[in-house]
Each structure stands twice: as C-alpha cells, then as structure tokens.
Amino acid sequence: MLGFVSLFMDVSSELIHSLLPVFMVTSLGASAFAVGIVEGIAESTALIVKVFSGAISDYLGKRKSLAVIGYGLGAVSKPLFALALSVNWVLAARFMDRIGKGIRGAPRDALVADLTPLEIRGAAYGLRQALDTVGAFVGPLLGVLLMLLWAGDFRTVFWYAAIPAVIAVLLLIFGVEEPRAASAHRRPASPIQWKTLSELGSAYWFVVLAGGVFTLARFSEAFLILRAQQQGLPDTYAPLVMVVMNVVYALVAYPMGKLADRVSHMTLLGAGLVALIVADLVLAHAQGLAAVALGVAFWGLHMGMTQGLMAAMVADSAPANLRGTAFGFFNLASGVAMLIASVLAGLLWDKLGAAVTFYAGALFSLAAFITLVLGDRRWRGRGC
C-alpha cells in the first residue's frame, strides 16, 4: 500500500515538475542558472529535512504520523504552482512541496524496512521504487494530455495536480497500519546525538559517501527537459522527456532490486554508473530529439539500477532502531550534493553551453566509479 501512496503523490508531483522548467523559462523568463537554483534548493531541502524526520521517527518509535504530515503538506502546496507569478513564487511552492517530501521520506523508507523480512528487502525497495516510477511517468503523460486539452495553458493544468495528491493522503491515513514491532526496538535517548551517529558504523558511512558522490554526478532532471526543448521539442510535449526516463526506470527498478538480493551490490552500482556516463556523453553530443531520447533512456536505466539499491544498502548497514536516522543522514549528504550539482549545472549551461554541463556530469560519474572501486573491499568485508 505504501507503494500506491507514493504512486499517486508522484503522479501529482511529476505532472507539475515535468512542465515546470519550461514554464519557468518560457512563461516567467528564467535562465538555466535560475532553474538550477530553484531545483537545487528544492531537491536538497527535501533530502536535508529527511535527517530530522528520520531521527524523530526513531525517537518516537512512530513512522506513519510523520509520513501523513509530509504527504499532507505536499498536497497543500500543489495549488501554489498554478498561482505563481514569478520565479520566487515557484521557489516558494517547490520549497513547501519538498519540505513535505523531506518529512515523509525517511519515515516511509524506514517503515518499508519495518514491514519487510531481510531476505526480500531488496525486492521490497525495488517494488516501492518501481511503483514510485510508474507514477512518475503517468504524471507526465497526464500533463501532455491536459496541455493538449487546455491548449498549452500551464496554470490550468497545474490545478489538476491536487487531485492525486489528496488521494495519496487518504490512502496513507486509511490504508496503512504501522506494525507494533517498529516501536519495540530500543529507542535513541534523543532524536539526534553524536553517540547515536557513532553507532551507525563505518560501512554505513561509506554508503553515505558513495551516495553523495553519486548525487554530484546526477544533477536535476530539469536539464534533460531543457536539453530536449533546445533540440526542438514543443512545450506541450515537454513531459514526454520524463515519460521516457521513467518508463525505463520503472521497468528496471524491480528486477534490479531482486537481483540485488543475490549478487554484489558494488557490481550493480558500477554498472549503473557506466549507464550514467553513457547518458551524459550521448546528451552532450545530441543532435536532434532521437539522440536526446536515447540519452534520457540511459539516464532512466541508471536510476533504476541504483536508487532502490542504495536504499537497501542503507537499511542493511544500519541498526534496526536507527534506520530512520540512517536514511536521514544519507539524504543530508545527498541533499548538499544535489544543491551543488544543480547550481553548477545551471551555471555551466548559461556560461559554457549544454554540452559542457553533461561532460561535467560524466566526470563526476567517473569520480563516483573510482570511489566505489576504492571502497569495494570494505563493503565486501560485510558480506554484501
């Protein structure tokens, strides 16, 4: 049921986000740098807030109530996009929306672990990621249909995003029951303290390091949409970029999650980074929409191979009573990296062009690959 909650919220969010970069550039006159700032602040906010929501969920021994608050805040933020008259308005709406995502994210991920036996945890996170991603391509498809129906009126289309968001909140409230076992583990003495962090262990902190470098290599998907627009994709069909990415993502996530229960995590992560390097190089050289589509597909392949897997690695490397905290600090590192990556991507785009932006992504991907190689022996030592 948690997967379906995420699915409906992702339909809502991606309906807006698949159109938002084009809306900011064409309707509000924003630069690529401004888009990078908005996306970087928004996405890093979501990841950083997870630090506190995860730690608080461990301290309280409760996950669902925080998730309800987070999903509810996300639903309330949706109408603000339709009312936005400037980039600052968009930033405020994105900030509120991503705070909601941050509040719900770590408790939800920890709740998945609480509900799932260890031997199928990789499959569980893969399935949850796959359902997330189904919503992430249904939302853009709905965006295209509504743009056609309303003759490209962004604001009218944005109003429809509130409907699936409300459905997600109702499903969570009435369809998910928190297991009693979640509160049976030993609780931390306070939500966040240095002693608690030391209990997470070196293997966990290596996963945090790897996740941060991964995020530096993967800036906001808004730049995929802008690249397609640059190559001639009409505004109405801009959401199709996210459809292509998320179809591949959804098809790959669950099989890769199951595979992660049986083979080396490092092998799969390395393969995912190779896919991202290919995506960056294809997008850097793209001449026409077919090449952009190919690069976007490889980007989705990378996401499907790595995102559920990273969540499973966090869950496996952290004590059960500290899973919320573990997911929170993992996302803190990723949030800082996302802010740096997206702002840098926008700056490079404006100053040196789109190709240089994607070349830089390829270089960061290579750095992430080297990090994996150097840390592989330590992770193997855990038997993972």
Protein backbone atom coordinates (compact mmCIF):
# COMPACT_ATOMS: atom_id res chain seq x y z
CA MET A 1 0.00 0.00 0.00
CA LEU A 2 2.90 2.38 0.69
CA GLY A 3 3.91 1.92 -2.92
CA PHE A 4 0.48 3.05 -4.12
CA VAL A 5 0.58 6.06 -1.80
CA SER A 6 3.86 7.05 -3.42
CA LEU A 7 2.45 6.33 -6.86
CA PHE A 8 -0.42 8.83 -6.51
CA MET A 9 1.78 11.51 -4.99
CA ASP A 10 4.30 11.03 -7.78
CA VAL A 11 1.53 11.41 -10.39
CA SER A 12 0.73 14.75 -8.77
CA SER A 13 4.32 15.93 -8.39
CA GLU A 14 5.57 14.81 -11.80
CA LEU A 15 2.57 16.34 -13.60
CA ILE A 16 3.90 19.67 -12.35
CA HIS A 17 7.64 19.01 -12.41
CA SER A 18 7.67 17.74 -15.99
CA LEU A 19 6.30 21.10 -17.13
CA LEU A 20 7.90 23.40 -14.56
CA PRO A 21 11.33 24.01 -16.22
CA VAL A 22 9.66 25.02 -19.49
CA PHE A 23 7.08 27.11 -17.61
CA MET A 24 9.86 28.98 -15.79
CA VAL A 25 11.89 29.59 -18.96
CA THR A 26 9.10 30.44 -21.43
CA SER A 27 6.39 31.99 -19.20
CA LEU A 28 8.46 33.54 -16.41
CA GLY A 29 11.66 34.34 -18.36
CA ALA A 30 14.00 32.36 -16.10
CA SER A 31 17.59 31.45 -17.08
CA ALA A 32 19.06 27.94 -16.82
CA PHE A 33 21.01 29.18 -13.78
CA ALA A 34 17.74 30.23 -12.10
CA VAL A 35 16.22 26.84 -12.92
CA GLY A 36 19.28 25.18 -11.37
CA ILE A 37 18.96 27.27 -8.21
CA VAL A 38 15.24 26.51 -7.84
CA GLU A 39 15.71 22.79 -8.47
CA GLY A 40 18.84 22.57 -6.34
CA ILE A 41 17.28 24.32 -3.34
CA ALA A 42 14.04 22.37 -3.69
CA GLU A 43 15.54 18.91 -4.01
CA SER A 44 18.28 19.48 -1.43
CA THR A 45 15.64 20.77 1.00
CA ALA A 46 13.72 17.51 0.67
CA LEU A 47 16.82 15.46 1.31
CA ILE A 48 18.10 17.57 4.22
CA VAL A 49 14.73 17.64 6.03
CA LYS A 50 14.82 13.82 5.99
CA VAL A 51 17.64 14.00 8.56
CA PHE A 52 15.27 15.35 11.17
CA SER A 53 12.17 13.40 10.19
CA GLY A 54 14.09 10.13 10.21
CA ALA A 55 15.74 10.78 13.56
CA ILE A 56 12.44 11.93 15.11
CA SER A 57 10.68 8.80 13.81
CA ASP A 58 13.34 6.68 15.56
CA TYR A 59 12.97 8.69 18.77
CA LEU A 60 9.17 8.48 18.81
CA GLY A 61 9.08 4.91 17.55
CA LYS A 62 6.44 6.10 15.07
CA ARG A 63 6.69 6.42 11.29
CA LYS A 64 3.16 6.83 9.91
CA SER A 65 2.17 10.10 11.62
CA LEU A 66 5.19 11.92 10.21
CA ALA A 67 4.52 10.45 6.78
CA VAL A 68 0.93 11.74 6.91
CA ILE A 69 2.16 15.26 7.76
CA GLY A 70 4.64 15.14 4.89
CA TYR A 71 2.18 13.91 2.30
CA GLY A 72 -0.41 16.41 3.52
CA LEU A 73 2.00 19.33 3.14
CA GLY A 74 2.84 18.16 -0.37
CA ALA A 75 -0.86 18.13 -1.27
CA VAL A 76 -1.43 21.63 0.12
CA SER A 77 1.47 23.04 -1.95
CA LYS A 78 0.13 21.99 -5.35
CA PRO A 79 -2.28 24.90 -5.98
CA LEU A 80 0.56 27.39 -5.40
CA PHE A 81 2.18 26.45 -8.71
CA ALA A 82 -0.94 27.47 -10.61
CA LEU A 83 -0.90 30.85 -8.82
CA ALA A 84 2.83 31.56 -9.36
CA LEU A 85 3.58 34.93 -11.00
CA SER A 86 7.38 34.87 -10.68
CA VAL A 87 10.33 32.54 -10.18
CA ASN A 88 10.26 33.45 -6.49
CA TRP A 89 6.70 32.14 -6.25
CA VAL A 90 7.78 28.90 -7.90
CA LEU A 91 10.68 28.62 -5.48
CA ALA A 92 8.32 29.08 -2.51
CA ALA A 93 5.92 26.44 -3.85
CA ARG A 94 8.75 24.00 -4.59
CA PHE A 95 10.23 24.66 -1.15
CA MET A 96 6.95 23.80 0.60
CA ASP A 97 6.40 20.76 -1.59
CA ARG A 98 9.90 19.44 -0.93
CA ILE A 99 9.68 20.08 2.82
CA GLY A 100 6.68 17.76 2.71
CA LYS A 101 8.70 15.20 0.78
CA GLY A 102 11.52 15.51 3.29
CA ILE A 103 9.22 14.98 6.25
CA ARG A 104 7.67 11.83 4.78
CA GLY A 105 10.68 10.31 3.02
CA ALA A 106 12.88 8.80 5.75
CA PRO A 107 9.99 7.55 7.95
CA ARG A 108 8.39 5.94 4.89
CA ASP A 109 11.65 4.25 3.85
CA ALA A 110 12.22 3.03 7.40
CA LEU A 111 8.62 1.79 7.53
CA VAL A 112 9.26 -0.34 4.44
CA ALA A 113 12.16 -1.99 6.29
CA ASP A 114 9.98 -2.48 9.40
CA LEU A 115 7.36 -4.26 7.30
CA THR A 116 9.72 -6.42 5.20
CA PRO A 117 11.81 -9.54 6.03
CA LEU A 118 15.56 -9.13 5.43
CA GLU A 119 15.74 -11.79 2.71
CA ILE A 120 13.37 -9.89 0.40
CA ARG A 121 14.26 -6.33 1.38
CA GLY A 122 16.00 -5.54 -1.90
CA ALA A 123 12.90 -6.68 -3.80
CA ALA A 124 10.66 -4.63 -1.49
CA TYR A 125 12.61 -1.42 -2.09
CA GLY A 126 12.76 -2.23 -5.79
CA LEU A 127 8.97 -2.68 -5.92
CA ARG A 128 8.37 0.54 -4.00
CA GLN A 129 10.76 2.34 -6.35
CA ALA A 130 9.03 0.81 -9.38
CA LEU A 131 5.59 1.99 -8.19
CA ASP A 132 7.06 5.43 -7.48
CA THR A 133 8.31 5.48 -11.02
CA VAL A 134 5.03 4.31 -12.54
CA GLY A 135 3.52 7.43 -11.01
CA ALA A 136 6.44 9.41 -12.34
CA PHE A 137 5.61 8.55 -15.95
CA VAL A 138 1.81 8.55 -15.57
CA GLY A 139 2.06 12.13 -14.25
CA PRO A 140 3.93 13.49 -17.30
CA LEU A 141 1.60 11.61 -19.65
CA LEU A 142 -1.35 13.21 -17.90
CA GLY A 143 0.47 16.54 -18.25
CA VAL A 144 0.70 16.11 -22.03
CA LEU A 145 -2.99 15.20 -22.30
CA LEU A 146 -4.06 18.16 -20.18
CA MET A 147 -1.79 20.54 -22.11
CA LEU A 148 -3.44 19.38 -25.33
CA LEU A 149 -6.90 19.67 -23.77
CA TRP A 150 -6.26 23.19 -22.43
CA ALA A 151 -4.25 24.46 -25.41
CA GLY A 152 -0.95 24.77 -23.53
CA ASP A 153 -2.33 26.65 -20.51
CA PHE A 154 0.24 25.74 -17.84
CA ARG A 155 -1.68 27.24 -14.93
CA THR A 156 -4.92 25.40 -15.63
CA VAL A 157 -3.03 22.12 -15.96
CA PHE A 158 -1.27 22.70 -12.64
CA TRP A 159 -4.61 22.86 -10.80
CA TYR A 160 -5.31 19.21 -11.64
CA ALA A 161 -2.24 18.06 -9.69
CA ALA A 162 -4.07 18.47 -6.38
CA ILE A 163 -6.44 15.55 -7.11
CA PRO A 164 -3.98 12.60 -6.99
CA ALA A 165 -2.16 14.29 -4.08
CA VAL A 166 -5.32 14.21 -1.97
CA ILE A 167 -5.89 10.55 -2.93
CA ALA A 168 -2.37 9.71 -1.72
CA VAL A 169 -3.03 11.28 1.68
CA LEU A 170 -6.32 9.40 2.10
CA LEU A 171 -4.73 6.07 1.15
CA LEU A 172 -2.00 6.55 3.72
CA ILE A 173 -4.40 7.51 6.50
CA PHE A 174 -6.90 4.71 5.93
CA GLY A 175 -4.89 2.00 4.12
CA VAL A 176 -1.58 1.66 6.02
CA GLU A 177 -1.26 0.25 9.53
CA GLU A 178 2.05 0.76 11.32
CA PRO A 179 3.47 -2.50 12.76
CA ARG A 180 3.86 -2.68 16.53
CA ALA A 181 7.33 -4.12 16.01
CA ALA A 182 8.52 -0.73 14.79
CA SER A 183 8.22 0.71 18.30
CA ALA A 184 9.62 -2.39 20.04
CA HIS A 185 13.27 -1.65 19.15
CA ARG A 186 15.48 0.23 21.58
CA ARG A 187 14.99 3.95 21.00
CA PRO A 188 17.78 6.56 20.94
CA ALA A 189 18.00 8.70 24.08
CA SER A 190 17.32 11.83 21.99
CA PRO A 191 16.43 12.41 18.33
CA ILE A 192 19.99 13.37 17.24
CA GLN A 193 23.21 12.99 19.21
CA TRP A 194 26.85 12.29 18.33
CA LYS A 195 26.87 8.99 20.20
CA THR A 196 23.97 7.80 18.08
CA LEU A 197 25.85 8.67 14.89
CA SER A 198 28.89 6.68 16.03
CA GLU A 199 26.68 3.61 16.41
CA LEU A 200 25.92 3.62 12.69
CA GLY A 201 29.34 2.16 11.82
CA SER A 202 31.94 2.62 9.08
CA ALA A 203 30.13 0.53 6.46
CA TYR A 204 27.12 2.85 6.73
CA TRP A 205 29.27 5.97 6.35
CA PHE A 206 30.85 4.53 3.23
CA VAL A 207 27.33 4.17 1.77
CA VAL A 208 26.73 7.84 2.68
CA LEU A 209 29.94 8.88 0.91
CA ALA A 210 29.06 6.86 -2.19
CA GLY A 211 25.53 8.31 -2.25
CA GLY A 212 26.85 11.88 -2.05
CA VAL A 213 29.26 11.38 -4.94
CA PHE A 214 26.51 9.67 -6.93
CA THR A 215 24.30 12.73 -6.49
CA LEU A 216 27.03 15.10 -7.63
CA ALA A 217 27.11 13.08 -10.84
CA ARG A 218 23.33 13.26 -11.31
CA PHE A 219 22.01 16.83 -11.34
CA SER A 220 18.32 17.72 -11.67
CA GLU A 221 16.29 16.09 -14.44
CA ALA A 222 15.06 19.60 -15.29
CA PHE A 223 18.14 19.87 -17.52
CA LEU A 224 17.03 16.84 -19.50
CA ILE A 225 13.81 18.68 -20.31
CA LEU A 226 15.69 21.85 -21.25
CA ARG A 227 18.02 19.83 -23.49
CA ALA A 228 15.02 18.37 -25.34
CA GLN A 229 13.46 21.83 -25.68
CA GLN A 230 16.79 23.08 -27.04
CA GLN A 231 16.62 20.37 -29.70
CA GLY A 232 13.14 21.42 -30.83
CA LEU A 233 10.61 19.66 -28.56
CA PRO A 234 7.41 21.78 -28.32
CA ASP A 235 6.41 22.97 -24.84
CA THR A 236 3.23 20.87 -24.82
CA TYR A 237 5.24 17.67 -25.22
CA ALA A 238 7.99 18.53 -22.72
CA PRO A 239 6.64 15.96 -20.18
CA LEU A 240 7.45 13.17 -22.64
CA VAL A 241 11.09 13.51 -21.60
CA MET A 242 10.14 12.33 -18.11
CA VAL A 243 7.91 9.63 -19.59
CA VAL A 244 10.84 8.13 -21.49
CA MET A 245 13.11 8.28 -18.44
CA ASN A 246 10.56 6.87 -16.03
CA VAL A 247 9.33 4.07 -18.29
CA VAL A 248 12.88 2.73 -18.37
CA TYR A 249 13.27 3.44 -14.65
CA ALA A 250 10.07 1.56 -13.76
CA LEU A 251 10.90 -1.45 -15.95
CA VAL A 252 14.37 -1.78 -14.45
CA ALA A 253 13.85 -0.95 -10.74
CA TYR A 254 12.09 -4.10 -9.50
CA PRO A 255 14.21 -6.67 -11.42
CA MET A 256 17.35 -4.91 -10.23
CA GLY A 257 16.03 -4.87 -6.66
CA LYS A 258 15.53 -8.64 -6.80
CA LEU A 259 18.95 -9.11 -8.37
CA ALA A 260 20.49 -7.06 -5.55
CA ASP A 261 19.39 -9.76 -3.08
CA ARG A 262 21.60 -12.30 -4.87
CA VAL A 263 24.63 -10.54 -6.38
CA SER A 264 27.25 -7.97 -5.36
CA HIS A 265 25.86 -4.51 -4.69
CA MET A 266 29.06 -2.95 -5.96
CA THR A 267 28.79 -4.69 -9.32
CA LEU A 268 25.29 -3.31 -9.84
CA LEU A 269 26.26 0.18 -8.71
CA GLY A 270 29.25 0.18 -11.03
CA ALA A 271 27.06 -0.87 -13.95
CA GLY A 272 24.63 1.91 -13.07
CA LEU A 273 27.41 4.47 -13.17
CA VAL A 274 28.50 3.24 -16.58
CA ALA A 275 24.92 3.82 -17.76
CA LEU A 276 25.03 7.38 -16.39
CA ILE A 277 28.33 8.12 -18.12
CA VAL A 278 26.84 6.90 -21.41
CA ALA A 279 23.76 9.09 -20.82
CA ASP A 280 25.88 12.19 -20.20
CA LEU A 281 28.04 11.63 -23.29
CA VAL A 282 25.04 10.99 -25.54
CA LEU A 283 23.27 14.11 -24.27
CA ALA A 284 26.42 16.20 -24.64
CA HIS A 285 26.69 15.20 -28.32
CA ALA A 286 22.94 15.11 -29.06
CA GLN A 287 21.85 16.45 -32.43
CA GLY A 288 18.10 16.01 -32.62
CA LEU A 289 15.37 14.57 -30.43
CA ALA A 290 16.20 10.92 -31.14
CA ALA A 291 19.64 11.33 -29.58
CA VAL A 292 18.14 13.15 -26.60
CA ALA A 293 15.65 10.31 -26.12
CA LEU A 294 18.48 7.77 -26.14
CA GLY A 295 20.42 9.74 -23.53
CA VAL A 296 17.31 10.12 -21.38
CA ALA A 297 16.68 6.35 -21.61
CA PHE A 298 20.20 5.62 -20.35
CA TRP A 299 19.60 8.13 -17.54
CA GLY A 300 16.48 6.15 -16.55
CA LEU A 301 18.46 2.91 -16.74
CA HIS A 302 20.97 4.35 -14.28
CA MET A 303 18.19 5.43 -11.90
CA GLY A 304 16.52 2.04 -11.99
CA MET A 305 19.79 0.24 -11.31
CA THR A 306 20.91 2.38 -8.38
CA GLN A 307 18.15 4.16 -6.42
CA GLY A 308 16.37 1.21 -4.80
CA LEU A 309 19.74 -0.47 -4.32
CA MET A 310 21.17 2.50 -2.40
CA ALA A 311 18.11 2.44 -0.10
CA ALA A 312 18.60 -1.28 0.54
CA MET A 313 22.30 -0.71 1.32
CA VAL A 314 21.40 1.97 3.87
CA ALA A 315 18.86 -0.35 5.52
CA ASP A 316 21.31 -3.28 5.57
CA SER A 317 24.20 -1.27 7.05
CA ALA A 318 22.25 0.45 9.86
CA PRO A 319 20.89 -0.95 13.17
CA ALA A 320 17.12 -1.51 13.12
CA ASN A 321 16.46 1.08 15.85
CA LEU A 322 18.41 3.74 13.91
CA ARG A 323 17.09 3.18 10.39
CA GLY A 324 15.20 6.48 10.30
CA THR A 325 18.31 8.36 11.41
CA ALA A 326 20.41 6.42 8.91
CA PHE A 327 18.15 7.32 6.00
CA GLY A 328 18.08 10.90 7.22
CA PHE A 329 21.84 11.44 7.24
CA PHE A 330 22.21 9.59 3.95
CA ASN A 331 19.81 12.09 2.46
CA LEU A 332 21.58 15.02 4.12
CA ALA A 333 24.76 14.18 2.20
CA SER A 334 22.77 13.66 -0.98
CA GLY A 335 20.92 16.95 -0.43
CA VAL A 336 24.08 19.02 -0.14
CA ALA A 337 25.44 17.27 -3.23
CA MET A 338 22.19 17.89 -5.16
CA LEU A 339 22.29 21.62 -4.40
CA ILE A 340 25.90 21.88 -5.58
CA ALA A 341 25.27 19.76 -8.67
CA SER A 342 22.15 21.59 -9.87
CA VAL A 343 23.52 25.11 -9.30
CA LEU A 344 26.77 24.15 -11.02
CA ALA A 345 24.85 22.59 -13.91
CA GLY A 346 22.83 25.78 -14.42
CA LEU A 347 25.92 27.95 -14.26
CA LEU A 348 27.82 25.80 -16.77
CA TRP A 349 24.77 25.75 -19.06
CA ASP A 350 24.50 29.55 -19.14
CA LYS A 351 28.24 30.26 -19.38
CA LEU A 352 29.64 27.39 -21.46
CA GLY A 353 26.66 25.60 -23.01
CA ALA A 354 24.65 22.42 -22.53
CA ALA A 355 27.38 20.08 -23.80
CA VAL A 356 29.83 21.18 -21.10
CA THR A 357 27.16 20.60 -18.45
CA PHE A 358 26.81 16.95 -19.45
CA TYR A 359 30.57 16.47 -19.84
CA ALA A 360 30.93 17.66 -16.23
CA GLY A 361 28.31 15.10 -15.21
CA ALA A 362 30.34 12.38 -16.89
CA LEU A 363 33.45 13.44 -14.97
CA PHE A 364 31.61 13.31 -11.65
CA SER A 365 30.28 9.88 -12.64
CA LEU A 366 33.82 8.71 -13.20
CA ALA A 367 34.78 10.06 -9.76
CA ALA A 368 31.89 8.13 -8.25
CA PHE A 369 33.06 4.97 -10.01
CA ILE A 370 36.56 5.43 -8.54
CA THR A 371 35.01 5.89 -5.07
CA LEU A 372 33.21 2.56 -5.48
CA VAL A 373 36.37 0.77 -6.56
CA LEU A 374 38.31 2.12 -3.57
CA GLY A 375 35.53 1.19 -1.14
CA ASP A 376 34.65 -2.19 -2.64
CA ARG A 377 36.90 -4.22 -0.34
CA ARG A 378 35.35 -2.70 2.80
CA TRP A 379 31.80 -3.37 1.61
CA ARG A 380 32.69 -6.94 0.60
CA GLY A 381 34.01 -7.40 4.10
CA ARG A 382 30.42 -7.04 5.33
CA GLY A 383 29.39 -9.91 3.07
CA CYS A 384 27.07 -7.75 0.98
